[in-house]
C-alpha atoms as a PDB file:
ATOM      1  CA  UNK A   1     -10.152 -26.161  -4.705  1.00  0.00           C
ATOM      2  CA  UNK A   2      -8.697 -24.068  -6.641  1.00  0.00           C
ATOM      3  CA  UNK A   3     -10.579 -21.578  -9.152  1.00  0.00           C
ATOM      4  CA  UNK A   4     -10.959 -22.567 -12.663  1.00  0.00           C
ATOM      5  CA  UNK A   5      -9.605 -20.280 -14.938  1.00  0.00           C
ATOM      6  CA  UNK A   6     -13.231 -19.725 -16.266  1.00  0.00           C
ATOM      7  CA  UNK A   7     -14.116 -18.961 -12.672  1.00  0.00           C
ATOM      8  CA  UNK A   8     -11.319 -16.393 -12.580  1.00  0.00           C
ATOM      9  CA  UNK A   9     -12.477 -14.758 -16.396  1.00  0.00           C
ATOM     10  CA  UNK A  10     -15.967 -14.183 -14.629  1.00  0.00           C
ATOM     11  CA  UNK A  11     -14.373 -12.049 -12.304  1.00  0.00           C
ATOM     12  CA  UNK A  12     -12.058 -10.640 -14.085  1.00  0.00           C
ATOM     13  CA  UNK A  13     -14.945  -9.337 -16.771  1.00  0.00           C
ATOM     14  CA  UNK A  14     -17.289  -8.597 -13.208  1.00  0.00           C
ATOM     15  CA  UNK A  15     -14.623  -6.510 -11.758  1.00  0.00           C
ATOM     16  CA  UNK A  16     -14.126  -4.600 -15.172  1.00  0.00           C
ATOM     17  CA  UNK A  17     -17.635  -3.990 -15.948  1.00  0.00           C
ATOM     18  CA  UNK A  18     -17.831  -2.354 -12.088  1.00  0.00           C
ATOM     19  CA  UNK A  19     -14.844   0.094 -12.074  1.00  0.00           C
ATOM     20  CA  UNK A  20     -14.572   0.361 -15.669  1.00  0.00           C
ATOM     21  CA  UNK A  21     -11.220  -0.301 -17.852  1.00  0.00           C
ATOM     22  CA  UNK A  22     -10.401   3.428 -16.522  1.00  0.00           C
ATOM     23  CA  UNK A  23     -11.108   3.456 -12.689  1.00  0.00           C
ATOM     24  CA  UNK A  24      -8.426   0.343 -12.355  1.00  0.00           C
ATOM     25  CA  UNK A  25      -5.272   2.124 -12.953  1.00  0.00           C
ATOM     26  CA  UNK A  26      -6.355   5.327 -10.622  1.00  0.00           C
ATOM     27  CA  UNK A  27      -7.397   2.609  -8.017  1.00  0.00           C
ATOM     28  CA  UNK A  28      -4.243   1.266  -8.130  1.00  0.00           C
ATOM     29  CA  UNK A  29      -2.064   4.648  -8.232  1.00  0.00           C
ATOM     30  CA  UNK A  30      -4.162   5.647  -5.476  1.00  0.00           C
ATOM     31  CA  UNK A  31      -3.043   2.400  -3.442  1.00  0.00           C
ATOM     32  CA  UNK A  32       0.643   2.889  -4.394  1.00  0.00           C
ATOM     33  CA  UNK A  33       0.204   6.465  -2.925  1.00  0.00           C
ATOM     34  CA  UNK A  34      -0.773   5.263   0.530  1.00  0.00           C
ATOM     35  CA  UNK A  35       1.815   2.319   0.765  1.00  0.00           C
ATOM     36  CA  UNK A  36       4.695   5.377  -0.022  1.00  0.00           C
ATOM     37  CA  UNK A  37       3.013   7.374   2.296  1.00  0.00           C
ATOM     38  CA  UNK A  38       2.593   4.837   4.950  1.00  0.00           C
ATOM     39  CA  UNK A  39       6.699   3.493   4.613  1.00  0.00           C
ATOM     40  CA  UNK A  40       7.850   7.522   4.521  1.00  0.00           C
ATOM     41  CA  UNK A  41       6.096   7.788   7.822  1.00  0.00           C
ATOM     42  CA  UNK A  42       7.599   4.446   9.625  1.00  0.00           C
ATOM     43  CA  UNK A  43      10.948   5.684   8.453  1.00  0.00           C
ATOM     44  CA  UNK A  44      10.106   9.492  10.154  1.00  0.00           C
ATOM     45  CA  UNK A  45       9.372   7.060  13.110  1.00  0.00           C
ATOM     46  CA  UNK A  46      11.909   5.381  13.262  1.00  0.00           C
ATOM     47  CA  UNK A  47      14.157   8.971  12.627  1.00  0.00           C
ATOM     48  CA  UNK A  48      12.441  10.142  15.525  1.00  0.00           C
ATOM     49  CA  UNK A  49      13.203   7.150  17.694  1.00  0.00           C
ATOM     50  CA  UNK A  50      17.051   7.191  16.710  1.00  0.00           C
ATOM     51  CA  UNK A  51      17.253  11.044  17.511  1.00  0.00           C
ATOM     52  CA  UNK A  52      15.623  10.349  21.115  1.00  0.00           C
ATOM     53  CA  UNK A  53      17.893   7.741  21.795  1.00  0.00           C
ATOM     54  CA  UNK A  54      20.905   9.810  20.693  1.00  0.00           C
ATOM     55  CA  UNK A  55      19.574  12.734  23.485  1.00  0.00           C
ATOM     56  CA  UNK A  56      18.974  10.162  25.909  1.00  0.00           C
ATOM     57  CA  UNK A  57      22.533   8.858  25.925  1.00  0.00           C
ATOM     58  CA  UNK A  58      23.978  12.061  25.468  1.00  0.00           C
ATOM     59  CA  UNK A  59      22.438  13.500  28.592  1.00  0.00           C
ATOM     60  CA  UNK A  60      24.297  10.247  30.198  1.00  0.00           C
END
């Protein structure tokens, strides 16, 4: 069963009432910063792994 347009509108109104119009963009901005930080951390780990592999190959 898919939600109807009225159900979606009611949920949207409730969310706007709870968080306010100004708070939602701030929450989305914080979420975007968290995602960027996570991606940066993942790429740093890959670089560390590559450096470790290079050092192991050089030692052989």
